[in-house]
């Protein structure tokens, strides 16, 4: 949404834009139109992708099993999972 050389050039050429949401950071931007458009162009069924993500989010049993498996791997000193914690700065 800010003017910079690329957006100025694109506006002059009449291109449409997909903006990177400012409230979505890093790797999660792939789940915004910025990432979903190229995936769709490559043949990914975006509706299936979204429905699968929603089912995974709602399946608390699967979430619990996944967490238990990860914790068990640490207990067995076979670290197969990396936990990466995020927090808002400031």
PDB file of N, CA and C in Angstrom:
ATOM      1  N   UNK A   1       0.811  -1.194   0.000  1.00  0.00           N
ATOM      2  CA  UNK A   1       0.000   0.000   0.000  1.00  0.00           C
ATOM      3  C   UNK A   1       0.860   1.266   0.000  1.00  0.00           C
ATOM      4  N   UNK A   2       2.130   1.112   0.272  1.00  0.00           N
ATOM      5  CA  UNK A   2       3.014   2.274   0.280  1.00  0.00           C
ATOM      6  C   UNK A   2       3.631   2.456  -1.104  1.00  0.00           C
ATOM      7  N   UNK A   3       3.899   3.703  -1.416  1.00  0.00           N
ATOM      8  CA  UNK A   3       4.582   3.953  -2.687  1.00  0.00           C
ATOM      9  C   UNK A   3       6.058   3.612  -2.553  1.00  0.00           C
ATOM     10  N   UNK A   4       6.514   2.811  -3.469  1.00  0.00           N
ATOM     11  CA  UNK A   4       7.920   2.466  -3.587  1.00  0.00           C
ATOM     12  C   UNK A   4       8.165   2.258  -5.074  1.00  0.00           C
ATOM     13  N   UNK A   5       9.395   2.104  -5.499  1.00  0.00           N
ATOM     14  CA  UNK A   5       9.651   2.002  -6.947  1.00  0.00           C
ATOM     15  C   UNK A   5       8.831   0.922  -7.653  1.00  0.00           C
ATOM     16  N   UNK A   6       8.638  -0.226  -7.001  1.00  0.00           N
ATOM     17  CA  UNK A   6       7.897  -1.305  -7.659  1.00  0.00           C
ATOM     18  C   UNK A   6       6.408  -0.967  -7.791  1.00  0.00           C
ATOM     19  N   UNK A   7       5.791  -0.458  -6.734  1.00  0.00           N
ATOM     20  CA  UNK A   7       4.363  -0.126  -6.839  1.00  0.00           C
ATOM     21  C   UNK A   7       4.125   1.066  -7.762  1.00  0.00           C
ATOM     22  N   UNK A   8       5.015   2.018  -7.740  1.00  0.00           N
ATOM     23  CA  UNK A   8       4.880   3.163  -8.656  1.00  0.00           C
ATOM     24  C   UNK A   8       4.942   2.679 -10.095  1.00  0.00           C
ATOM     25  N   UNK A   9       5.910   1.825 -10.399  1.00  0.00           N
ATOM     26  CA  UNK A   9       6.047   1.268 -11.750  1.00  0.00           C
ATOM     27  C   UNK A   9       4.808   0.457 -12.118  1.00  0.00           C
ATOM     28  N   UNK A  10       4.338  -0.392 -11.182  1.00  0.00           N
ATOM     29  CA  UNK A  10       3.167  -1.225 -11.445  1.00  0.00           C
ATOM     30  C   UNK A  10       1.908  -0.409 -11.681  1.00  0.00           C
ATOM     31  N   UNK A  11       1.748   0.667 -10.907  1.00  0.00           N
ATOM     32  CA  UNK A  11       0.582   1.532 -11.088  1.00  0.00           C
ATOM     33  C   UNK A  11       0.616   2.204 -12.457  1.00  0.00           C
ATOM     34  N   UNK A  12       1.800   2.628 -12.881  1.00  0.00           N
ATOM     35  CA  UNK A  12       1.935   3.250 -14.202  1.00  0.00           C
ATOM     36  C   UNK A  12       1.574   2.270 -15.309  1.00  0.00           C
ATOM     37  N   UNK A  13       1.891   1.003 -15.104  1.00  0.00           N
ATOM     38  CA  UNK A  13       1.601  -0.034 -16.102  1.00  0.00           C
ATOM     39  C   UNK A  13       0.173  -0.566 -15.987  1.00  0.00           C
ATOM     40  N   UNK A  14      -0.540  -0.175 -14.923  1.00  0.00           N
ATOM     41  CA  UNK A  14      -1.930  -0.607 -14.761  1.00  0.00           C
ATOM     42  C   UNK A  14      -2.095  -2.002 -14.177  1.00  0.00           C
ATOM     43  N   UNK A  15      -1.091  -2.497 -13.459  1.00  0.00           N
ATOM     44  CA  UNK A  15      -1.181  -3.824 -12.867  1.00  0.00           C
ATOM     45  C   UNK A  15      -2.075  -3.828 -11.639  1.00  0.00           C
ATOM     46  N   UNK A  16      -2.713  -4.968 -11.409  1.00  0.00           N
ATOM     47  CA  UNK A  16      -3.431  -5.191 -10.161  1.00  0.00           C
ATOM     48  C   UNK A  16      -2.420  -5.654  -9.121  1.00  0.00           C
ATOM     49  N   UNK A  17      -2.751  -5.453  -7.857  1.00  0.00           N
ATOM     50  CA  UNK A  17      -1.829  -5.794  -6.780  1.00  0.00           C
ATOM     51  C   UNK A  17      -2.489  -6.683  -5.743  1.00  0.00           C
ATOM     52  N   UNK A  18      -1.705  -7.542  -5.159  1.00  0.00           N
ATOM     53  CA  UNK A  18      -2.067  -8.260  -3.944  1.00  0.00           C
ATOM     54  C   UNK A  18      -1.144  -7.725  -2.864  1.00  0.00           C
ATOM     55  N   UNK A  19      -1.724  -7.169  -1.831  1.00  0.00           N
ATOM     56  CA  UNK A  19      -0.902  -6.614  -0.777  1.00  0.00           C
ATOM     57  C   UNK A  19      -0.552  -7.677   0.251  1.00  0.00           C
ATOM     58  N   UNK A  20       0.641  -7.572   0.780  1.00  0.00           N
ATOM     59  CA  UNK A  20       1.049  -8.440   1.876  1.00  0.00           C
ATOM     60  C   UNK A  20       0.424  -7.870   3.144  1.00  0.00           C
ATOM     61  N   UNK A  21      -0.414  -8.644   3.832  1.00  0.00           N
ATOM     62  CA  UNK A  21      -1.034  -8.130   5.051  1.00  0.00           C
ATOM     63  C   UNK A  21       0.026  -7.763   6.092  1.00  0.00           C
ATOM     64  N   UNK A  22      -0.114  -6.619   6.693  1.00  0.00           N
ATOM     65  CA  UNK A  22       0.876  -6.176   7.674  1.00  0.00           C
ATOM     66  C   UNK A  22       0.745  -6.906   9.003  1.00  0.00           C
ATOM     67  N   UNK A  23      -0.386  -7.569   9.239  1.00  0.00           N
ATOM     68  CA  UNK A  23      -0.574  -8.271  10.507  1.00  0.00           C
ATOM     69  C   UNK A  23      -0.258  -9.764  10.412  1.00  0.00           C
ATOM     70  N   UNK A  24       0.295 -10.203   9.286  1.00  0.00           N
ATOM     71  CA  UNK A  24       0.678 -11.599   9.103  1.00  0.00           C
ATOM     72  C   UNK A  24       2.162 -11.617   8.783  1.00  0.00           C
ATOM     73  N   UNK A  25       2.911 -12.303   9.590  1.00  0.00           N
ATOM     74  CA  UNK A  25       4.356 -12.254   9.409  1.00  0.00           C
ATOM     75  C   UNK A  25       4.960 -13.534   8.878  1.00  0.00           C
ATOM     76  N   UNK A  26       6.134 -13.372   8.342  1.00  0.00           N
ATOM     77  CA  UNK A  26       7.003 -14.480   7.970  1.00  0.00           C
ATOM     78  C   UNK A  26       6.350 -15.598   7.203  1.00  0.00           C
ATOM     79  N   UNK A  27       6.604 -16.798   7.676  1.00  0.00           N
ATOM     80  CA  UNK A  27       6.162 -17.997   6.957  1.00  0.00           C
ATOM     81  C   UNK A  27       4.644 -18.101   6.829  1.00  0.00           C
ATOM     82  N   UNK A  28       3.909 -17.408   7.693  1.00  0.00           N
ATOM     83  CA  UNK A  28       2.462 -17.493   7.648  1.00  0.00           C
ATOM     84  C   UNK A  28       1.868 -16.704   6.480  1.00  0.00           C
ATOM     85  N   UNK A  29       2.662 -15.859   5.852  1.00  0.00           N
ATOM     86  CA  UNK A  29       2.159 -15.100   4.709  1.00  0.00           C
ATOM     87  C   UNK A  29       1.796 -16.019   3.545  1.00  0.00           C
ATOM     88  N   UNK A  30       2.296 -17.240   3.555  1.00  0.00           N
ATOM     89  CA  UNK A  30       1.940 -18.191   2.504  1.00  0.00           C
ATOM     90  C   UNK A  30       0.455 -18.542   2.556  1.00  0.00           C
ATOM     91  N   UNK A  31      -0.180 -18.297   3.696  1.00  0.00           N
ATOM     92  CA  UNK A  31      -1.599 -18.588   3.848  1.00  0.00           C
ATOM     93  C   UNK A  31      -2.479 -17.400   3.488  1.00  0.00           C
ATOM     94  N   UNK A  32      -1.891 -16.344   2.944  1.00  0.00           N
ATOM     95  CA  UNK A  32      -2.623 -15.162   2.489  1.00  0.00           C
ATOM     96  C   UNK A  32      -2.703 -15.218   0.964  1.00  0.00           C
ATOM     97  N   UNK A  33      -3.423 -14.299   0.351  1.00  0.00           N
ATOM     98  CA  UNK A  33      -3.484 -14.297  -1.117  1.00  0.00           C
ATOM     99  C   UNK A  33      -2.105 -14.287  -1.785  1.00  0.00           C
ATOM    100  N   UNK A  34      -1.107 -13.718  -1.126  1.00  0.00           N
ATOM    101  CA  UNK A  34       0.250 -13.685  -1.679  1.00  0.00           C
ATOM    102  C   UNK A  34       0.779 -15.095  -1.930  1.00  0.00           C
ATOM    103  N   UNK A  35       0.495 -16.019  -1.032  1.00  0.00           N
ATOM    104  CA  UNK A  35       0.947 -17.399  -1.190  1.00  0.00           C
ATOM    105  C   UNK A  35      -0.062 -18.296  -1.868  1.00  0.00           C
ATOM    106  N   UNK A  36      -1.348 -18.020  -1.649  1.00  0.00           N
ATOM    107  CA  UNK A  36      -2.376 -18.900  -2.198  1.00  0.00           C
ATOM    108  C   UNK A  36      -2.553 -18.742  -3.706  1.00  0.00           C
ATOM    109  N   UNK A  37      -2.342 -17.537  -4.226  1.00  0.00           N
ATOM    110  CA  UNK A  37      -2.475 -17.346  -5.679  1.00  0.00           C
ATOM    111  C   UNK A  37      -1.461 -18.195  -6.447  1.00  0.00           C
ATOM    112  N   UNK A  38      -0.170 -18.131  -6.117  1.00  0.00           N
ATOM    113  CA  UNK A  38       0.770 -18.997  -6.845  1.00  0.00           C
ATOM    114  C   UNK A  38       0.461 -20.482  -6.659  1.00  0.00           C
ATOM    115  N   UNK A  39       0.012 -20.864  -5.463  1.00  0.00           N
ATOM    116  CA  UNK A  39      -0.338 -22.272  -5.237  1.00  0.00           C
ATOM    117  C   UNK A  39      -1.488 -22.681  -6.146  1.00  0.00           C
ATOM    118  N   UNK A  40      -2.503 -21.827  -6.248  1.00  0.00           N
ATOM    119  CA  UNK A  40      -3.642 -22.128  -7.123  1.00  0.00           C
ATOM    120  C   UNK A  40      -3.200 -22.221  -8.576  1.00  0.00           C
ATOM    121  N   UNK A  41      -2.295 -21.331  -8.985  1.00  0.00           N
ATOM    122  CA  UNK A  41      -1.795 -21.366 -10.364  1.00  0.00           C
ATOM    123  C   UNK A  41      -1.009 -22.641 -10.651  1.00  0.00           C
ATOM    124  N   UNK A  42      -0.456 -23.244  -9.594  1.00  0.00           N
ATOM    125  CA  UNK A  42       0.267 -24.509  -9.743  1.00  0.00           C
ATOM    126  C   UNK A  42      -0.650 -25.721  -9.626  1.00  0.00           C
ATOM    127  N   UNK A  43      -1.952 -25.471  -9.428  1.00  0.00           N
ATOM    128  CA  UNK A  43      -2.913 -26.573  -9.410  1.00  0.00           C
ATOM    129  C   UNK A  43      -3.363 -27.024  -8.027  1.00  0.00           C
ATOM    130  N   UNK A  44      -2.905 -26.360  -6.973  1.00  0.00           N
ATOM    131  CA  UNK A  44      -3.357 -26.719  -5.630  1.00  0.00           C
ATOM    132  C   UNK A  44      -4.828 -26.327  -5.493  1.00  0.00           C
ATOM    133  N   UNK A  45      -5.628 -27.247  -4.998  1.00  0.00           N
ATOM    134  CA  UNK A  45      -7.032 -26.955  -4.765  1.00  0.00           C
ATOM    135  C   UNK A  45      -7.125 -26.176  -3.455  1.00  0.00           C
ATOM    136  N   UNK A  46      -7.292 -24.884  -3.549  1.00  0.00           N
ATOM    137  CA  UNK A  46      -7.263 -24.008  -2.383  1.00  0.00           C
ATOM    138  C   UNK A  46      -8.410 -24.320  -1.425  1.00  0.00           C
ATOM    139  N   UNK A  47      -9.580 -24.645  -1.938  1.00  0.00           N
ATOM    140  CA  UNK A  47     -10.704 -24.981  -1.050  1.00  0.00           C
ATOM    141  C   UNK A  47     -10.393 -26.239  -0.232  1.00  0.00           C
ATOM    142  N   UNK A  48      -9.814 -27.248  -0.871  1.00  0.00           N
ATOM    143  CA  UNK A  48      -9.424 -28.456  -0.138  1.00  0.00           C
ATOM    144  C   UNK A  48      -8.373 -28.119   0.916  1.00  0.00           C
ATOM    145  N   UNK A  49      -7.446 -27.274   0.549  1.00  0.00           N
ATOM    146  CA  UNK A  49      -6.387 -26.838   1.455  1.00  0.00           C
ATOM    147  C   UNK A  49      -6.997 -26.160   2.688  1.00  0.00           C
ATOM    148  N   UNK A  50      -7.923 -25.242   2.457  1.00  0.00           N
ATOM    149  CA  UNK A  50      -8.575 -24.522   3.550  1.00  0.00           C
ATOM    150  C   UNK A  50      -9.407 -25.461   4.421  1.00  0.00           C
ATOM    151  N   UNK A  51     -10.149 -26.361   3.792  1.00  0.00           N
ATOM    152  CA  UNK A  51     -10.969 -27.299   4.552  1.00  0.00           C
ATOM    153  C   UNK A  51     -10.099 -28.231   5.389  1.00  0.00           C
ATOM    154  N   UNK A  52      -8.988 -28.669   4.828  1.00  0.00           N
ATOM    155  CA  UNK A  52      -8.064 -29.524   5.582  1.00  0.00           C
ATOM    156  C   UNK A  52      -7.467 -28.795   6.772  1.00  0.00           C
ATOM    157  N   UNK A  53      -7.108 -27.532   6.574  1.00  0.00           N
ATOM    158  CA  UNK A  53      -6.565 -26.736   7.679  1.00  0.00           C
ATOM    159  C   UNK A  53      -7.610 -26.551   8.769  1.00  0.00           C
ATOM    160  N   UNK A  54      -8.848 -26.297   8.378  1.00  0.00           N
ATOM    161  CA  UNK A  54      -9.916 -26.124   9.356  1.00  0.00           C
ATOM    162  C   UNK A  54     -10.160 -27.416  10.131  1.00  0.00           C
ATOM    163  N   UNK A  55     -10.199 -28.548   9.433  1.00  0.00           N
ATOM    164  CA  UNK A  55     -10.397 -29.839  10.120  1.00  0.00           C
ATOM    165  C   UNK A  55      -9.255 -30.111  11.090  1.00  0.00           C
ATOM    166  N   UNK A  56      -8.023 -29.834  10.661  1.00  0.00           N
ATOM    167  CA  UNK A  56      -6.873 -30.049  11.538  1.00  0.00           C
ATOM    168  C   UNK A  56      -6.964 -29.158  12.775  1.00  0.00           C
ATOM    169  N   UNK A  57      -7.410 -27.947  12.574  1.00  0.00           N
ATOM    170  CA  UNK A  57      -7.536 -27.002  13.689  1.00  0.00           C
ATOM    171  C   UNK A  57      -8.623 -27.433  14.673  1.00  0.00           C
ATOM    172  N   UNK A  58      -9.685 -28.032  14.167  1.00  0.00           N
ATOM    173  CA  UNK A  58     -10.809 -28.424  15.009  1.00  0.00           C
ATOM    174  C   UNK A  58     -10.646 -29.804  15.640  1.00  0.00           C
ATOM    175  N   UNK A  59      -9.724 -30.603  15.126  1.00  0.00           N
ATOM    176  CA  UNK A  59      -9.555 -31.980  15.607  1.00  0.00           C
ATOM    177  C   UNK A  59      -8.636 -31.989  16.827  1.00  0.00           C
ATOM    178  N   UNK A  60      -9.220 -31.722  17.984  1.00  0.00           N
ATOM    179  CA  UNK A  60      -8.412 -31.615  19.200  1.00  0.00           C
ATOM    180  C   UNK A  60      -7.742 -32.938  19.558  1.00  0.00           C
ATOM    181  N   UNK A  61      -8.343 -34.047  19.191  1.00  0.00           N
ATOM    182  CA  UNK A  61      -7.719 -35.348  19.467  1.00  0.00           C
ATOM    183  C   UNK A  61      -6.431 -35.498  18.663  1.00  0.00           C
ATOM    184  N   UNK A  62      -6.467 -35.123  17.393  1.00  0.00           N
ATOM    185  CA  UNK A  62      -5.259 -35.210  16.565  1.00  0.00           C
ATOM    186  C   UNK A  62      -4.179 -34.251  17.067  1.00  0.00           C
ATOM    187  N   UNK A  63      -4.599 -33.068  17.516  1.00  0.00           N
ATOM    188  CA  UNK A  63      -3.642 -32.101  18.056  1.00  0.00           C
ATOM    189  C   UNK A  63      -2.983 -32.679  19.305  1.00  0.00           C
ATOM    190  N   UNK A  64      -3.782 -33.261  20.180  1.00  0.00           N
ATOM    191  CA  UNK A  64      -3.242 -33.852  21.414  1.00  0.00           C
ATOM    192  C   UNK A  64      -2.291 -35.003  21.106  1.00  0.00           C
ATOM    193  N   UNK A  65      -2.654 -35.864  20.145  1.00  0.00           N
ATOM    194  CA  UNK A  65      -1.786 -36.986  19.772  1.00  0.00           C
ATOM    195  C   UNK A  65      -0.469 -36.486  19.193  1.00  0.00           C
ATOM    196  N   UNK A  66      -0.546 -35.458  18.363  1.00  0.00           N
ATOM    197  CA  UNK A  66       0.673 -34.896  17.770  1.00  0.00           C
ATOM    198  C   UNK A  66       1.584 -34.317  18.847  1.00  0.00           C
ATOM    199  N   UNK A  67       0.998 -33.575  19.782  1.00  0.00           N
ATOM    200  CA  UNK A  67       1.792 -33.002  20.877  1.00  0.00           C
ATOM    201  C   UNK A  67       2.398 -34.108  21.734  1.00  0.00           C
ATOM    202  N   UNK A  68       1.618 -35.153  22.030  1.00  0.00           N
ATOM    203  CA  UNK A  68       2.123 -36.264  22.841  1.00  0.00           C
ATOM    204  C   UNK A  68       3.271 -36.978  22.140  1.00  0.00           C
ATOM    205  N   UNK A  69       3.149 -37.181  20.834  1.00  0.00           N
ATOM    206  CA  UNK A  69       4.209 -37.843  20.077  1.00  0.00           C
ATOM    207  C   UNK A  69       5.497 -37.007  20.108  1.00  0.00           C
ATOM    208  N   UNK A  70       5.338 -35.699  19.958  1.00  0.00           N
ATOM    209  CA  UNK A  70       6.510 -34.824  19.995  1.00  0.00           C
ATOM    210  C   UNK A  70       7.169 -34.869  21.366  1.00  0.00           C
ATOM    211  N   UNK A  71       6.369 -34.783  22.421  1.00  0.00           N
ATOM    212  CA  UNK A  71       6.926 -34.815  23.769  1.00  0.00           C
ATOM    213  C   UNK A  71       7.583 -36.163  24.069  1.00  0.00           C
ATOM    214  N   UNK A  72       6.991 -37.243  23.579  1.00  0.00           N
ATOM    215  CA  UNK A  72       7.573 -38.575  23.773  1.00  0.00           C
ATOM    216  C   UNK A  72       8.936 -38.677  23.085  1.00  0.00           C
ATOM    217  N   UNK A  73       9.069 -38.028  21.917  1.00  0.00           N
ATOM    218  CA  UNK A  73      10.356 -38.067  21.225  1.00  0.00           C
ATOM    219  C   UNK A  73      11.436 -37.383  22.054  1.00  0.00           C
ATOM    220  N   UNK A  74      11.086 -36.307  22.754  1.00  0.00           N
ATOM    221  CA  UNK A  74      12.060 -35.644  23.633  1.00  0.00           C
ATOM    222  C   UNK A  74      12.416 -36.540  24.812  1.00  0.00           C
ATOM    223  N   UNK A  75      11.392 -37.181  25.356  1.00  0.00           N
ATOM    224  CA  UNK A  75      11.606 -38.089  26.486  1.00  0.00           C
ATOM    225  C   UNK A  75      12.552 -39.217  26.096  1.00  0.00           C
ATOM    226  N   UNK A  76      12.433 -39.700  24.868  1.00  0.00           N
ATOM    227  CA  UNK A  76      13.270 -40.789  24.370  1.00  0.00           C
ATOM    228  C   UNK A  76      14.591 -40.305  23.778  1.00  0.00           C
ATOM    229  N   UNK A  77      14.841 -39.003  23.896  1.00  0.00           N
ATOM    230  CA  UNK A  77      16.055 -38.371  23.347  1.00  0.00           C
ATOM    231  C   UNK A  77      16.194 -38.621  21.843  1.00  0.00           C
ATOM    232  N   UNK A  78      15.057 -38.656  21.171  1.00  0.00           N
ATOM    233  CA  UNK A  78      15.002 -38.778  19.715  1.00  0.00           C
ATOM    234  C   UNK A  78      14.212 -37.571  19.213  1.00  0.00           C
ATOM    235  N   UNK A  79      14.890 -36.446  19.216  1.00  0.00           N
ATOM    236  CA  UNK A  79      14.217 -35.197  18.887  1.00  0.00           C
ATOM    237  C   UNK A  79      13.873 -35.146  17.400  1.00  0.00           C
ATOM    238  N   UNK A  80      12.600 -35.402  17.121  1.00  0.00           N
ATOM    239  CA  UNK A  80      12.132 -35.392  15.740  1.00  0.00           C
ATOM    240  C   UNK A  80      11.351 -34.131  15.425  1.00  0.00           C
ATOM    241  N   UNK A  81      11.171 -33.307  16.431  1.00  0.00           N
ATOM    242  CA  UNK A  81      10.334 -32.120  16.284  1.00  0.00           C
ATOM    243  C   UNK A  81      11.071 -30.906  16.822  1.00  0.00           C
ATOM    244  N   UNK A  82      10.872 -29.800  16.156  1.00  0.00           N
ATOM    245  CA  UNK A  82      11.422 -28.545  16.637  1.00  0.00           C
ATOM    246  C   UNK A  82      10.259 -27.660  17.053  1.00  0.00           C
ATOM    247  N   UNK A  83      10.272 -27.210  18.269  1.00  0.00           N
ATOM    248  CA  UNK A  83       9.273 -26.251  18.733  1.00  0.00           C
ATOM    249  C   UNK A  83       9.871 -24.865  18.563  1.00  0.00           C
ATOM    250  N   UNK A  84       9.140 -24.004  17.922  1.00  0.00           N
ATOM    251  CA  UNK A  84       9.599 -22.651  17.666  1.00  0.00           C
ATOM    252  C   UNK A  84       8.530 -21.708  18.182  1.00  0.00           C
ATOM    253  N   UNK A  85       8.859 -21.020  19.219  1.00  0.00           N
ATOM    254  CA  UNK A  85       7.861 -20.156  19.865  1.00  0.00           C
ATOM    255  C   UNK A  85       7.967 -18.743  19.333  1.00  0.00           C
ATOM    256  N   UNK A  86       6.843 -18.108  19.173  1.00  0.00           N
ATOM    257  CA  UNK A  86       6.768 -16.736  18.676  1.00  0.00           C
ATOM    258  C   UNK A  86       6.056 -15.887  19.711  1.00  0.00           C
ATOM    259  N   UNK A  87       6.408 -14.645  19.748  1.00  0.00           N
ATOM    260  CA  UNK A  87       5.657 -13.692  20.554  1.00  0.00           C
ATOM    261  C   UNK A  87       5.765 -12.315  19.906  1.00  0.00           C
ATOM    262  N   UNK A  88       4.795 -11.500  20.203  1.00  0.00           N
ATOM    263  CA  UNK A  88       4.829 -10.138  19.671  1.00  0.00           C
ATOM    264  C   UNK A  88       5.852  -9.331  20.462  1.00  0.00           C
ATOM    265  N   UNK A  89       6.706  -8.634  19.767  1.00  0.00           N
ATOM    266  CA  UNK A  89       7.708  -7.814  20.436  1.00  0.00           C
ATOM    267  C   UNK A  89       7.054  -6.552  20.964  1.00  0.00           C
ATOM    268  N   UNK A  90       7.554  -6.089  22.072  1.00  0.00           N
ATOM    269  CA  UNK A  90       7.152  -4.789  22.531  1.00  0.00           C
ATOM    270  C   UNK A  90       6.150  -4.800  23.582  1.00  0.00           C
TER     271      UNK A  90
END
